[in-house]
Amino acid sequence: MGLLPLAKRLQQFFIGFLITGILCVLAQYLEAYLKSSSWVLNSAITTGTVFKSFWWDVTSVLTEELIFRGALLYILIQKIGSKKGIWISAVAFGVYHWFSYGVLGNVMAMILVFIGTGLMGYAWAWAFSKAKSIMLPFGLHLGWNFVYNTIFSKGPLGELVLISNGGHELTDWASLLNFITGLIIVPILVLLYVNYFVKKETETETTSE
């Protein structure tokens, strides 16, 4: 799982968390700008509710990471190589979200969900392969989910920290721009980060530190 050296892995986790957390904030404020809406603090929110939501994000993300970027991906990489292993992990991640998003049977929704979650799954699997640790993809995954679900109340847990106020429904080019931002642009930016800024480690480097 690549949990050691601990200080280095925690640094990778927090960097990943910040990167996708910031990308999520930018994406939500772009949507608010396009809709002419604003984000307001939920006056009914409590610290306990935020903590429970955060813990829900942690457990759901950790479960997915252990399944898709944990021992299974490690074994695939060892057996068939990193490229094929990463592709299999990404495809499986995209298919899994057909069920978790409840879009099975809706062909267009299935295609779009597969593209978006598959791209992000590829980025996170690639991060695992290069860093030789689950901590970087865990941070990248949790950063997005926590900000999206808990901060901007976009997840299944209802209204949490911030609530969208006012605005109008998006149409035409504005709707398309908002759509591709989260589905295509954000995963591509994460892929660029993994490609250019994540050092490819070897098993020797990981075990010797």
N, C-alpha and C. Protein backbone atom coordinates (compact mmCIF):
# COMPACT_ATOMS: atom_id res chain seq x y z
N MET A 1 0.82 -1.21 0.00
CA MET A 1 0.00 0.00 0.00
C MET A 1 0.86 1.26 0.00
N GLY A 2 2.15 1.10 0.30
CA GLY A 2 3.06 2.24 0.23
C GLY A 2 2.80 3.30 1.27
N LEU A 3 2.66 2.90 2.54
CA LEU A 3 2.36 3.86 3.60
C LEU A 3 3.62 4.47 4.22
N LEU A 4 4.77 3.91 3.88
CA LEU A 4 6.03 4.40 4.44
C LEU A 4 6.93 4.90 3.31
N PRO A 5 7.80 5.90 3.60
CA PRO A 5 7.94 6.63 4.88
C PRO A 5 6.73 7.53 5.15
N LEU A 6 6.28 7.55 6.40
CA LEU A 6 5.01 8.17 6.75
C LEU A 6 4.97 9.66 6.42
N ALA A 7 6.04 10.40 6.75
CA ALA A 7 6.05 11.85 6.52
C ALA A 7 5.88 12.17 5.04
N LYS A 8 6.57 11.41 4.20
CA LYS A 8 6.48 11.63 2.76
C LYS A 8 5.09 11.31 2.24
N ARG A 9 4.51 10.22 2.73
CA ARG A 9 3.18 9.82 2.28
C ARG A 9 2.11 10.81 2.73
N LEU A 10 2.24 11.33 3.93
CA LEU A 10 1.29 12.34 4.40
C LEU A 10 1.40 13.61 3.57
N GLN A 11 2.62 13.97 3.20
CA GLN A 11 2.81 15.14 2.34
C GLN A 11 2.13 14.93 0.99
N GLN A 12 2.29 13.74 0.41
CA GLN A 12 1.63 13.43 -0.86
C GLN A 12 0.11 13.50 -0.71
N PHE A 13 -0.39 12.97 0.41
CA PHE A 13 -1.83 13.00 0.66
C PHE A 13 -2.36 14.43 0.69
N PHE A 14 -1.71 15.29 1.47
CA PHE A 14 -2.20 16.66 1.64
C PHE A 14 -2.06 17.48 0.34
N ILE A 15 -0.99 17.24 -0.41
CA ILE A 15 -0.84 17.93 -1.69
C ILE A 15 -1.97 17.52 -2.63
N GLY A 16 -2.23 16.22 -2.71
CA GLY A 16 -3.32 15.74 -3.55
C GLY A 16 -4.66 16.30 -3.11
N PHE A 17 -4.90 16.34 -1.81
CA PHE A 17 -6.15 16.87 -1.26
C PHE A 17 -6.33 18.34 -1.65
N LEU A 18 -5.27 19.12 -1.52
CA LEU A 18 -5.35 20.55 -1.85
C LEU A 18 -5.59 20.77 -3.34
N ILE A 19 -4.92 20.00 -4.18
CA ILE A 19 -5.05 20.19 -5.63
C ILE A 19 -6.49 19.99 -6.08
N THR A 20 -7.07 18.86 -5.75
CA THR A 20 -8.44 18.60 -6.21
C THR A 20 -9.46 19.42 -5.44
N GLY A 21 -9.16 19.73 -4.17
CA GLY A 21 -10.05 20.60 -3.42
C GLY A 21 -10.15 21.98 -4.05
N ILE A 22 -9.01 22.53 -4.46
CA ILE A 22 -8.99 23.84 -5.11
C ILE A 22 -9.69 23.77 -6.47
N LEU A 23 -9.43 22.71 -7.22
CA LEU A 23 -10.09 22.55 -8.52
C LEU A 23 -11.60 22.48 -8.36
N CYS A 24 -12.06 21.82 -7.31
CA CYS A 24 -13.49 21.72 -7.07
C CYS A 24 -14.08 23.08 -6.73
N VAL A 25 -13.38 23.85 -5.90
CA VAL A 25 -13.84 25.21 -5.56
C VAL A 25 -13.97 26.05 -6.82
N LEU A 26 -12.96 26.00 -7.68
CA LEU A 26 -13.00 26.78 -8.92
C LEU A 26 -14.16 26.34 -9.81
N ALA A 27 -14.39 25.03 -9.89
CA ALA A 27 -15.48 24.52 -10.72
C ALA A 27 -16.84 24.98 -10.20
N GLN A 28 -17.00 24.99 -8.87
CA GLN A 28 -18.29 25.39 -8.29
C GLN A 28 -18.53 26.89 -8.45
N TYR A 29 -17.47 27.67 -8.34
CA TYR A 29 -17.65 29.12 -8.52
C TYR A 29 -17.84 29.49 -9.99
N LEU A 30 -17.28 28.69 -10.89
CA LEU A 30 -17.58 28.88 -12.31
C LEU A 30 -19.06 28.63 -12.57
N GLU A 31 -19.59 27.56 -11.99
CA GLU A 31 -21.01 27.26 -12.14
C GLU A 31 -21.87 28.38 -11.58
N ALA A 32 -21.49 28.89 -10.40
CA ALA A 32 -22.26 29.98 -9.79
C ALA A 32 -22.22 31.23 -10.68
N TYR A 33 -21.06 31.49 -11.28
CA TYR A 33 -20.93 32.65 -12.18
C TYR A 33 -21.84 32.48 -13.40
N LEU A 34 -21.81 31.30 -13.99
CA LEU A 34 -22.62 31.05 -15.18
C LEU A 34 -24.11 31.11 -14.87
N LYS A 35 -24.49 30.71 -13.66
CA LYS A 35 -25.91 30.69 -13.27
C LYS A 35 -26.36 32.01 -12.65
N SER A 36 -25.41 32.92 -12.42
CA SER A 36 -25.69 34.18 -11.69
C SER A 36 -26.25 33.89 -10.31
N SER A 37 -25.71 32.86 -9.67
CA SER A 37 -26.12 32.49 -8.32
C SER A 37 -24.99 32.79 -7.36
N SER A 38 -25.19 32.50 -6.10
CA SER A 38 -24.15 32.71 -5.10
C SER A 38 -24.18 31.56 -4.10
N TRP A 39 -23.07 31.41 -3.39
CA TRP A 39 -23.00 30.40 -2.35
C TRP A 39 -23.14 31.07 -0.99
N VAL A 40 -24.07 30.58 -0.19
CA VAL A 40 -24.30 31.17 1.14
C VAL A 40 -24.11 30.09 2.20
N LEU A 41 -23.67 30.53 3.36
CA LEU A 41 -23.45 29.60 4.47
C LEU A 41 -24.78 29.08 5.00
N ASN A 42 -24.85 27.80 5.20
CA ASN A 42 -26.04 27.17 5.77
C ASN A 42 -26.12 27.51 7.25
N SER A 43 -27.10 28.29 7.64
CA SER A 43 -27.21 28.74 9.04
C SER A 43 -27.52 27.59 9.99
N ALA A 44 -28.01 26.48 9.45
CA ALA A 44 -28.38 25.35 10.31
C ALA A 44 -27.25 24.34 10.48
N ILE A 45 -26.12 24.57 9.83
CA ILE A 45 -25.03 23.61 9.88
C ILE A 45 -24.37 23.60 11.25
N THR A 46 -23.94 22.43 11.69
CA THR A 46 -23.24 22.29 12.96
C THR A 46 -21.91 21.59 12.72
N THR A 47 -21.00 21.76 13.67
CA THR A 47 -19.69 21.11 13.57
C THR A 47 -19.84 19.60 13.52
N GLY A 48 -20.76 19.09 14.32
CA GLY A 48 -21.00 17.65 14.34
C GLY A 48 -21.46 17.11 13.00
N THR A 49 -22.33 17.86 12.33
CA THR A 49 -22.82 17.45 11.02
C THR A 49 -21.70 17.45 9.99
N VAL A 50 -20.85 18.47 10.05
CA VAL A 50 -19.71 18.54 9.12
C VAL A 50 -18.77 17.36 9.35
N PHE A 51 -18.51 17.05 10.62
CA PHE A 51 -17.62 15.93 10.93
C PHE A 51 -18.20 14.61 10.43
N LYS A 52 -19.51 14.41 10.64
CA LYS A 52 -20.15 13.17 10.18
C LYS A 52 -20.07 13.05 8.66
N SER A 53 -20.29 14.17 7.98
CA SER A 53 -20.21 14.16 6.52
C SER A 53 -18.78 13.90 6.06
N PHE A 54 -17.82 14.54 6.73
CA PHE A 54 -16.42 14.32 6.39
C PHE A 54 -16.06 12.85 6.59
N TRP A 55 -16.51 12.25 7.67
CA TRP A 55 -16.21 10.85 7.94
C TRP A 55 -16.86 9.95 6.89
N TRP A 56 -18.06 10.33 6.45
CA TRP A 56 -18.72 9.57 5.38
C TRP A 56 -17.88 9.65 4.11
N ASP A 57 -17.36 10.84 3.80
CA ASP A 57 -16.50 11.00 2.63
C ASP A 57 -15.25 10.14 2.76
N VAL A 58 -14.64 10.16 3.94
CA VAL A 58 -13.41 9.39 4.17
C VAL A 58 -13.66 7.90 3.96
N THR A 59 -14.70 7.37 4.58
CA THR A 59 -14.96 5.93 4.49
C THR A 59 -15.34 5.50 3.07
N SER A 60 -16.15 6.32 2.39
CA SER A 60 -16.55 5.95 1.03
C SER A 60 -15.36 6.02 0.07
N VAL A 61 -14.54 7.06 0.22
CA VAL A 61 -13.36 7.20 -0.65
C VAL A 61 -12.35 6.10 -0.36
N LEU A 62 -12.11 5.82 0.93
CA LEU A 62 -11.15 4.79 1.30
C LEU A 62 -11.58 3.43 0.76
N THR A 63 -12.87 3.15 0.84
CA THR A 63 -13.38 1.88 0.31
C THR A 63 -13.09 1.75 -1.18
N GLU A 64 -13.38 2.81 -1.93
CA GLU A 64 -13.13 2.79 -3.37
C GLU A 64 -11.64 2.69 -3.67
N GLU A 65 -10.82 3.39 -2.89
CA GLU A 65 -9.37 3.33 -3.12
C GLU A 65 -8.82 1.94 -2.85
N LEU A 66 -9.28 1.31 -1.78
CA LEU A 66 -8.80 -0.03 -1.46
C LEU A 66 -9.21 -1.03 -2.55
N ILE A 67 -10.37 -0.80 -3.16
CA ILE A 67 -10.84 -1.70 -4.21
C ILE A 67 -10.12 -1.44 -5.53
N PHE A 68 -10.07 -0.19 -5.94
CA PHE A 68 -9.60 0.14 -7.28
C PHE A 68 -8.13 0.54 -7.36
N ARG A 69 -7.56 1.05 -6.29
CA ARG A 69 -6.15 1.46 -6.30
C ARG A 69 -5.35 0.78 -5.20
N GLY A 70 -5.88 -0.25 -4.60
CA GLY A 70 -5.19 -0.94 -3.53
C GLY A 70 -4.46 -2.17 -4.02
N ALA A 71 -4.68 -3.27 -3.32
CA ALA A 71 -3.96 -4.51 -3.61
C ALA A 71 -4.24 -5.02 -5.02
N LEU A 72 -5.48 -4.84 -5.50
CA LEU A 72 -5.84 -5.34 -6.82
C LEU A 72 -5.01 -4.69 -7.93
N LEU A 73 -4.89 -3.36 -7.88
CA LEU A 73 -4.10 -2.66 -8.90
C LEU A 73 -2.63 -3.03 -8.77
N TYR A 74 -2.15 -3.16 -7.55
CA TYR A 74 -0.76 -3.55 -7.33
C TYR A 74 -0.47 -4.90 -7.98
N ILE A 75 -1.38 -5.85 -7.78
CA ILE A 75 -1.21 -7.18 -8.36
C ILE A 75 -1.26 -7.11 -9.89
N LEU A 76 -2.21 -6.33 -10.42
CA LEU A 76 -2.31 -6.17 -11.87
C LEU A 76 -1.02 -5.60 -12.46
N ILE A 77 -0.48 -4.59 -11.80
CA ILE A 77 0.76 -3.97 -12.29
C ILE A 77 1.90 -4.98 -12.29
N GLN A 78 1.97 -5.79 -11.22
CA GLN A 78 3.03 -6.78 -11.12
C GLN A 78 2.88 -7.88 -12.18
N LYS A 79 1.63 -8.23 -12.49
CA LYS A 79 1.38 -9.36 -13.39
C LYS A 79 1.40 -8.96 -14.87
N ILE A 80 0.78 -7.82 -15.21
CA ILE A 80 0.62 -7.48 -16.63
C ILE A 80 1.22 -6.13 -17.00
N GLY A 81 1.83 -5.45 -16.03
CA GLY A 81 2.45 -4.16 -16.32
C GLY A 81 1.57 -2.99 -15.94
N SER A 82 2.19 -1.83 -15.78
CA SER A 82 1.47 -0.67 -15.28
C SER A 82 0.43 -0.15 -16.28
N LYS A 83 0.76 -0.11 -17.57
CA LYS A 83 -0.17 0.46 -18.55
C LYS A 83 -1.49 -0.31 -18.60
N LYS A 84 -1.40 -1.62 -18.74
CA LYS A 84 -2.61 -2.44 -18.80
C LYS A 84 -3.35 -2.41 -17.46
N GLY A 85 -2.59 -2.47 -16.37
CA GLY A 85 -3.20 -2.45 -15.05
C GLY A 85 -3.97 -1.17 -14.79
N ILE A 86 -3.39 -0.04 -15.19
CA ILE A 86 -4.04 1.27 -15.02
C ILE A 86 -5.31 1.34 -15.86
N TRP A 87 -5.25 0.85 -17.08
CA TRP A 87 -6.43 0.87 -17.95
C TRP A 87 -7.56 0.02 -17.38
N ILE A 88 -7.23 -1.16 -16.89
CA ILE A 88 -8.25 -2.04 -16.31
C ILE A 88 -8.88 -1.38 -15.09
N SER A 89 -8.05 -0.77 -14.25
CA SER A 89 -8.55 -0.08 -13.06
C SER A 89 -9.47 1.07 -13.44
N ALA A 90 -9.09 1.84 -14.46
CA ALA A 90 -9.89 2.99 -14.89
C ALA A 90 -11.23 2.54 -15.46
N VAL A 91 -11.21 1.49 -16.29
CA VAL A 91 -12.45 0.98 -16.87
C VAL A 91 -13.37 0.45 -15.78
N ALA A 92 -12.81 -0.30 -14.84
CA ALA A 92 -13.61 -0.84 -13.74
C ALA A 92 -14.21 0.28 -12.90
N PHE A 93 -13.45 1.35 -12.69
CA PHE A 93 -13.93 2.49 -11.91
C PHE A 93 -15.09 3.17 -12.63
N GLY A 94 -14.98 3.32 -13.94
CA GLY A 94 -16.06 3.92 -14.72
C GLY A 94 -17.32 3.08 -14.69
N VAL A 95 -17.18 1.77 -14.88
CA VAL A 95 -18.33 0.87 -14.87
C VAL A 95 -18.99 0.85 -13.49
N TYR A 96 -18.17 0.84 -12.44
CA TYR A 96 -18.70 0.85 -11.07
C TYR A 96 -19.64 2.03 -10.84
N HIS A 97 -19.31 3.18 -11.42
CA HIS A 97 -20.13 4.37 -11.20
C HIS A 97 -21.44 4.34 -11.97
N TRP A 98 -21.60 3.44 -12.92
CA TRP A 98 -22.93 3.24 -13.50
C TRP A 98 -23.91 2.81 -12.42
N PHE A 99 -23.43 1.96 -11.53
CA PHE A 99 -24.29 1.44 -10.47
C PHE A 99 -24.41 2.43 -9.32
N SER A 100 -23.28 3.03 -8.90
CA SER A 100 -23.33 3.95 -7.76
C SER A 100 -24.09 5.23 -8.09
N TYR A 101 -24.10 5.64 -9.36
CA TYR A 101 -24.85 6.83 -9.78
C TYR A 101 -26.27 6.49 -10.23
N GLY A 102 -26.57 5.21 -10.34
CA GLY A 102 -27.91 4.79 -10.71
C GLY A 102 -28.30 5.14 -12.14
N VAL A 103 -27.35 5.04 -13.08
CA VAL A 103 -27.64 5.43 -14.47
C VAL A 103 -27.72 4.22 -15.40
N LEU A 104 -27.65 3.02 -14.85
CA LEU A 104 -27.67 1.82 -15.67
C LEU A 104 -28.97 1.77 -16.49
N GLY A 105 -28.83 1.64 -17.81
CA GLY A 105 -29.99 1.62 -18.69
C GLY A 105 -30.17 2.91 -19.47
N ASN A 106 -29.65 4.01 -18.95
CA ASN A 106 -29.68 5.30 -19.64
C ASN A 106 -28.37 5.43 -20.42
N VAL A 107 -28.42 5.11 -21.71
CA VAL A 107 -27.20 4.97 -22.50
C VAL A 107 -26.36 6.24 -22.51
N MET A 108 -26.98 7.40 -22.75
CA MET A 108 -26.23 8.64 -22.80
C MET A 108 -25.58 8.95 -21.45
N ALA A 109 -26.33 8.77 -20.37
CA ALA A 109 -25.78 9.01 -19.03
C ALA A 109 -24.65 8.03 -18.74
N MET A 110 -24.79 6.79 -19.17
CA MET A 110 -23.75 5.79 -18.95
C MET A 110 -22.46 6.19 -19.67
N ILE A 111 -22.59 6.69 -20.90
CA ILE A 111 -21.41 7.12 -21.66
C ILE A 111 -20.70 8.27 -20.96
N LEU A 112 -21.48 9.27 -20.54
CA LEU A 112 -20.90 10.46 -19.92
C LEU A 112 -20.27 10.14 -18.58
N VAL A 113 -20.96 9.33 -17.77
CA VAL A 113 -20.41 8.94 -16.47
C VAL A 113 -19.15 8.12 -16.66
N PHE A 114 -19.14 7.23 -17.64
CA PHE A 114 -17.97 6.40 -17.89
C PHE A 114 -16.77 7.25 -18.29
N ILE A 115 -17.00 8.25 -19.15
CA ILE A 115 -15.91 9.13 -19.58
C ILE A 115 -15.34 9.90 -18.40
N GLY A 116 -16.22 10.55 -17.64
CA GLY A 116 -15.77 11.39 -16.54
C GLY A 116 -15.09 10.62 -15.43
N THR A 117 -15.76 9.58 -14.92
CA THR A 117 -15.18 8.81 -13.81
C THR A 117 -14.04 7.93 -14.29
N GLY A 118 -14.10 7.49 -15.55
CA GLY A 118 -13.00 6.70 -16.09
C GLY A 118 -11.72 7.51 -16.22
N LEU A 119 -11.85 8.75 -16.70
CA LEU A 119 -10.68 9.64 -16.80
C LEU A 119 -10.07 9.90 -15.43
N MET A 120 -10.93 10.20 -14.45
CA MET A 120 -10.41 10.46 -13.12
C MET A 120 -9.82 9.20 -12.51
N GLY A 121 -10.47 8.07 -12.75
CA GLY A 121 -9.94 6.81 -12.27
C GLY A 121 -8.58 6.49 -12.87
N TYR A 122 -8.40 6.85 -14.15
CA TYR A 122 -7.10 6.66 -14.80
C TYR A 122 -6.04 7.53 -14.12
N ALA A 123 -6.39 8.78 -13.84
CA ALA A 123 -5.44 9.70 -13.20
C ALA A 123 -5.03 9.18 -11.84
N TRP A 124 -5.98 8.70 -11.06
CA TRP A 124 -5.67 8.23 -9.71
C TRP A 124 -4.89 6.92 -9.75
N ALA A 125 -5.21 6.04 -10.70
CA ALA A 125 -4.46 4.79 -10.84
C ALA A 125 -3.02 5.08 -11.28
N TRP A 126 -2.86 6.05 -12.16
CA TRP A 126 -1.53 6.46 -12.61
C TRP A 126 -0.73 7.04 -11.45
N ALA A 127 -1.40 7.82 -10.62
CA ALA A 127 -0.74 8.38 -9.43
C ALA A 127 -0.26 7.26 -8.51
N PHE A 128 -1.08 6.24 -8.34
CA PHE A 128 -0.69 5.09 -7.52
C PHE A 128 0.53 4.40 -8.12
N SER A 129 0.51 4.21 -9.43
CA SER A 129 1.60 3.52 -10.10
C SER A 129 2.91 4.29 -9.99
N LYS A 130 2.86 5.61 -10.15
CA LYS A 130 4.08 6.41 -10.11
C LYS A 130 4.61 6.61 -8.69
N ALA A 131 3.70 6.85 -7.75
CA ALA A 131 4.13 7.13 -6.38
C ALA A 131 4.38 5.86 -5.58
N LYS A 132 3.91 4.72 -6.09
CA LYS A 132 4.01 3.44 -5.37
C LYS A 132 3.36 3.54 -3.99
N SER A 133 2.24 4.25 -3.94
CA SER A 133 1.53 4.44 -2.67
C SER A 133 0.08 4.78 -2.94
N ILE A 134 -0.79 4.35 -2.04
CA ILE A 134 -2.21 4.68 -2.15
C ILE A 134 -2.51 6.07 -1.61
N MET A 135 -1.55 6.67 -0.90
CA MET A 135 -1.82 7.93 -0.21
C MET A 135 -2.06 9.10 -1.16
N LEU A 136 -1.34 9.18 -2.26
CA LEU A 136 -1.56 10.27 -3.22
C LEU A 136 -2.93 10.18 -3.88
N PRO A 137 -3.31 9.03 -4.46
CA PRO A 137 -4.66 8.95 -5.02
C PRO A 137 -5.75 9.11 -3.97
N PHE A 138 -5.49 8.66 -2.75
CA PHE A 138 -6.46 8.85 -1.67
C PHE A 138 -6.68 10.33 -1.41
N GLY A 139 -5.59 11.10 -1.36
CA GLY A 139 -5.71 12.55 -1.16
C GLY A 139 -6.41 13.23 -2.32
N LEU A 140 -6.05 12.86 -3.54
CA LEU A 140 -6.69 13.44 -4.72
C LEU A 140 -8.19 13.15 -4.74
N HIS A 141 -8.54 11.94 -4.40
CA HIS A 141 -9.95 11.51 -4.40
C HIS A 141 -10.73 12.20 -3.28
N LEU A 142 -10.17 12.20 -2.07
CA LEU A 142 -10.87 12.78 -0.93
C LEU A 142 -11.01 14.29 -1.06
N GLY A 143 -9.99 14.95 -1.60
CA GLY A 143 -10.06 16.40 -1.77
C GLY A 143 -11.26 16.81 -2.59
N TRP A 144 -11.47 16.11 -3.71
CA TRP A 144 -12.62 16.43 -4.56
C TRP A 144 -13.94 16.08 -3.86
N ASN A 145 -14.03 14.86 -3.34
CA ASN A 145 -15.30 14.41 -2.76
C ASN A 145 -15.71 15.24 -1.55
N PHE A 146 -14.76 15.56 -0.67
CA PHE A 146 -15.11 16.33 0.52
C PHE A 146 -15.61 17.73 0.16
N VAL A 147 -14.89 18.40 -0.71
CA VAL A 147 -15.30 19.76 -1.10
C VAL A 147 -16.62 19.71 -1.87
N TYR A 148 -16.76 18.75 -2.76
CA TYR A 148 -17.98 18.63 -3.57
C TYR A 148 -19.19 18.25 -2.71
N ASN A 149 -19.04 17.23 -1.89
CA ASN A 149 -20.16 16.72 -1.10
C ASN A 149 -20.47 17.56 0.12
N THR A 150 -19.45 17.84 0.91
CA THR A 150 -19.65 18.48 2.21
C THR A 150 -19.65 20.00 2.14
N ILE A 151 -18.68 20.57 1.47
CA ILE A 151 -18.60 22.03 1.42
C ILE A 151 -19.69 22.61 0.52
N PHE A 152 -19.87 22.03 -0.68
CA PHE A 152 -20.82 22.59 -1.63
C PHE A 152 -22.15 21.82 -1.72
N SER A 153 -22.36 20.90 -0.81
CA SER A 153 -23.66 20.22 -0.67
C SER A 153 -24.13 19.57 -1.96
N LYS A 154 -23.20 18.99 -2.74
CA LYS A 154 -23.57 18.38 -4.01
C LYS A 154 -23.75 16.86 -3.92
N GLY A 155 -23.46 16.30 -2.76
CA GLY A 155 -23.53 14.85 -2.61
C GLY A 155 -24.89 14.37 -2.15
N PRO A 156 -24.96 13.10 -1.73
CA PRO A 156 -26.24 12.49 -1.34
C PRO A 156 -26.70 12.84 0.07
N LEU A 157 -25.92 13.63 0.81
CA LEU A 157 -26.25 13.90 2.21
C LEU A 157 -27.04 15.18 2.41
N GLY A 158 -27.42 15.84 1.33
CA GLY A 158 -28.27 17.03 1.45
C GLY A 158 -27.48 18.31 1.68
N GLU A 159 -28.18 19.33 2.19
CA GLU A 159 -27.58 20.65 2.40
C GLU A 159 -26.63 20.62 3.59
N LEU A 160 -25.38 21.05 3.34
CA LEU A 160 -24.38 21.01 4.40
C LEU A 160 -23.78 22.40 4.61
N VAL A 161 -22.52 22.64 4.24
CA VAL A 161 -21.86 23.90 4.61
C VAL A 161 -22.36 25.07 3.77
N LEU A 162 -22.27 24.97 2.46
CA LEU A 162 -22.69 26.05 1.57
C LEU A 162 -23.90 25.62 0.74
N ILE A 163 -24.79 26.60 0.50
CA ILE A 163 -26.01 26.33 -0.26
C ILE A 163 -26.08 27.30 -1.43
N SER A 164 -26.46 26.78 -2.58
CA SER A 164 -26.61 27.64 -3.76
C SER A 164 -27.85 28.51 -3.60
N ASN A 165 -27.67 29.81 -3.88
CA ASN A 165 -28.76 30.77 -3.69
C ASN A 165 -29.03 31.53 -4.98
N GLY A 166 -30.28 31.46 -5.46
CA GLY A 166 -30.66 32.22 -6.65
C GLY A 166 -30.12 31.62 -7.93
N GLY A 167 -30.12 32.43 -8.97
CA GLY A 167 -29.59 32.00 -10.25
C GLY A 167 -30.65 31.41 -11.16
N HIS A 168 -30.21 30.90 -12.29
CA HIS A 168 -31.12 30.36 -13.29
C HIS A 168 -30.54 29.07 -13.86
N GLU A 169 -31.37 28.31 -14.52
CA GLU A 169 -30.92 27.07 -15.14
C GLU A 169 -29.98 27.38 -16.31
N LEU A 170 -28.95 26.57 -16.44
CA LEU A 170 -27.98 26.78 -17.52
C LEU A 170 -28.50 26.18 -18.82
N THR A 171 -28.26 26.87 -19.91
CA THR A 171 -28.64 26.39 -21.23
C THR A 171 -27.51 26.64 -22.22
N ASP A 172 -27.60 26.00 -23.36
CA ASP A 172 -26.69 26.22 -24.49
C ASP A 172 -25.22 26.10 -24.09
N TRP A 173 -24.41 27.07 -24.51
CA TRP A 173 -22.96 26.99 -24.31
C TRP A 173 -22.58 27.02 -22.85
N ALA A 174 -23.33 27.75 -22.02
CA ALA A 174 -23.03 27.84 -20.59
C ALA A 174 -23.21 26.48 -19.93
N SER A 175 -24.26 25.77 -20.32
CA SER A 175 -24.50 24.43 -19.78
C SER A 175 -23.40 23.48 -20.22
N LEU A 176 -22.99 23.58 -21.48
CA LEU A 176 -21.92 22.73 -22.00
C LEU A 176 -20.60 22.99 -21.29
N LEU A 177 -20.27 24.28 -21.10
CA LEU A 177 -19.02 24.63 -20.43
C LEU A 177 -19.01 24.10 -19.00
N ASN A 178 -20.10 24.28 -18.29
CA ASN A 178 -20.19 23.79 -16.91
C ASN A 178 -20.07 22.28 -16.87
N PHE A 179 -20.69 21.63 -17.85
CA PHE A 179 -20.69 20.18 -17.90
C PHE A 179 -19.29 19.62 -18.13
N ILE A 180 -18.59 20.16 -19.13
CA ILE A 180 -17.28 19.62 -19.47
C ILE A 180 -16.21 20.01 -18.46
N THR A 181 -16.46 21.05 -17.67
CA THR A 181 -15.47 21.45 -16.67
C THR A 181 -15.22 20.33 -15.68
N GLY A 182 -16.29 19.82 -15.08
CA GLY A 182 -16.13 18.74 -14.11
C GLY A 182 -15.85 17.40 -14.73
N LEU A 183 -16.42 17.17 -15.91
CA LEU A 183 -16.32 15.86 -16.54
C LEU A 183 -15.02 15.64 -17.29
N ILE A 184 -14.49 16.68 -17.92
CA ILE A 184 -13.32 16.54 -18.78
C ILE A 184 -12.13 17.38 -18.31
N ILE A 185 -12.36 18.68 -18.09
CA ILE A 185 -11.25 19.59 -17.80
C ILE A 185 -10.55 19.25 -16.50
N VAL A 186 -11.32 19.03 -15.43
CA VAL A 186 -10.70 18.71 -14.14
C VAL A 186 -9.88 17.43 -14.21
N PRO A 187 -10.42 16.31 -14.74
CA PRO A 187 -9.59 15.11 -14.86
C PRO A 187 -8.32 15.32 -15.68
N ILE A 188 -8.42 16.12 -16.76
CA ILE A 188 -7.24 16.38 -17.58
C ILE A 188 -6.19 17.16 -16.78
N LEU A 189 -6.63 18.13 -15.99
CA LEU A 189 -5.69 18.88 -15.15
C LEU A 189 -5.01 17.98 -14.13
N VAL A 190 -5.77 17.04 -13.57
CA VAL A 190 -5.18 16.08 -12.63
C VAL A 190 -4.18 15.19 -13.36
N LEU A 191 -4.53 14.76 -14.56
CA LEU A 191 -3.60 13.95 -15.36
C LEU A 191 -2.31 14.71 -15.65
N LEU A 192 -2.42 16.00 -15.96
CA LEU A 192 -1.23 16.82 -16.21
C LEU A 192 -0.37 16.92 -14.96
N TYR A 193 -1.02 17.07 -13.80
CA TYR A 193 -0.26 17.12 -12.55
C TYR A 193 0.50 15.81 -12.33
N VAL A 194 -0.19 14.69 -12.50
CA VAL A 194 0.45 13.39 -12.29
C VAL A 194 1.59 13.20 -13.29
N ASN A 195 1.39 13.62 -14.52
CA ASN A 195 2.40 13.44 -15.56
C ASN A 195 3.66 14.26 -15.30
N TYR A 196 3.48 15.51 -14.93
CA TYR A 196 4.63 16.42 -14.85
C TYR A 196 5.20 16.63 -13.44
N PHE A 197 4.41 16.36 -12.42
CA PHE A 197 4.87 16.72 -11.07
C PHE A 197 4.99 15.55 -10.11
N VAL A 198 4.50 14.39 -10.48
CA VAL A 198 4.64 13.22 -9.61
C VAL A 198 5.82 12.39 -10.09
N LYS A 199 6.80 12.26 -9.23
CA LYS A 199 8.00 11.51 -9.56
C LYS A 199 7.71 10.01 -9.59
N LYS A 200 8.20 9.34 -10.62
CA LYS A 200 8.04 7.90 -10.70
C LYS A 200 9.05 7.23 -9.78
N GLU A 201 8.55 6.53 -8.78
CA GLU A 201 9.41 5.87 -7.83
C GLU A 201 9.58 4.40 -8.20
N THR A 202 10.65 3.82 -7.71
CA THR A 202 10.89 2.40 -7.89
C THR A 202 10.67 1.70 -6.57
N GLU A 203 10.53 0.39 -6.62
CA GLU A 203 10.37 -0.38 -5.39
C GLU A 203 11.58 -0.20 -4.48
N THR A 204 12.77 -0.08 -5.09
CA THR A 204 13.99 0.09 -4.30
C THR A 204 13.97 1.41 -3.54
N GLU A 205 13.55 2.48 -4.22
CA GLU A 205 13.47 3.79 -3.57
C GLU A 205 12.47 3.78 -2.43
N THR A 206 11.34 3.11 -2.63
CA THR A 206 10.29 3.08 -1.64
C THR A 206 10.71 2.32 -0.40
N THR A 207 11.38 1.19 -0.58
CA THR A 207 11.75 0.36 0.56
C THR A 207 12.98 0.87 1.28
N SER A 208 13.83 1.63 0.59
CA SER A 208 15.08 2.08 1.20
C SER A 208 14.92 3.35 2.01
N GLU A 209 13.84 4.10 1.81
CA GLU A 209 13.68 5.37 2.52
C GLU A 209 13.18 5.13 3.93
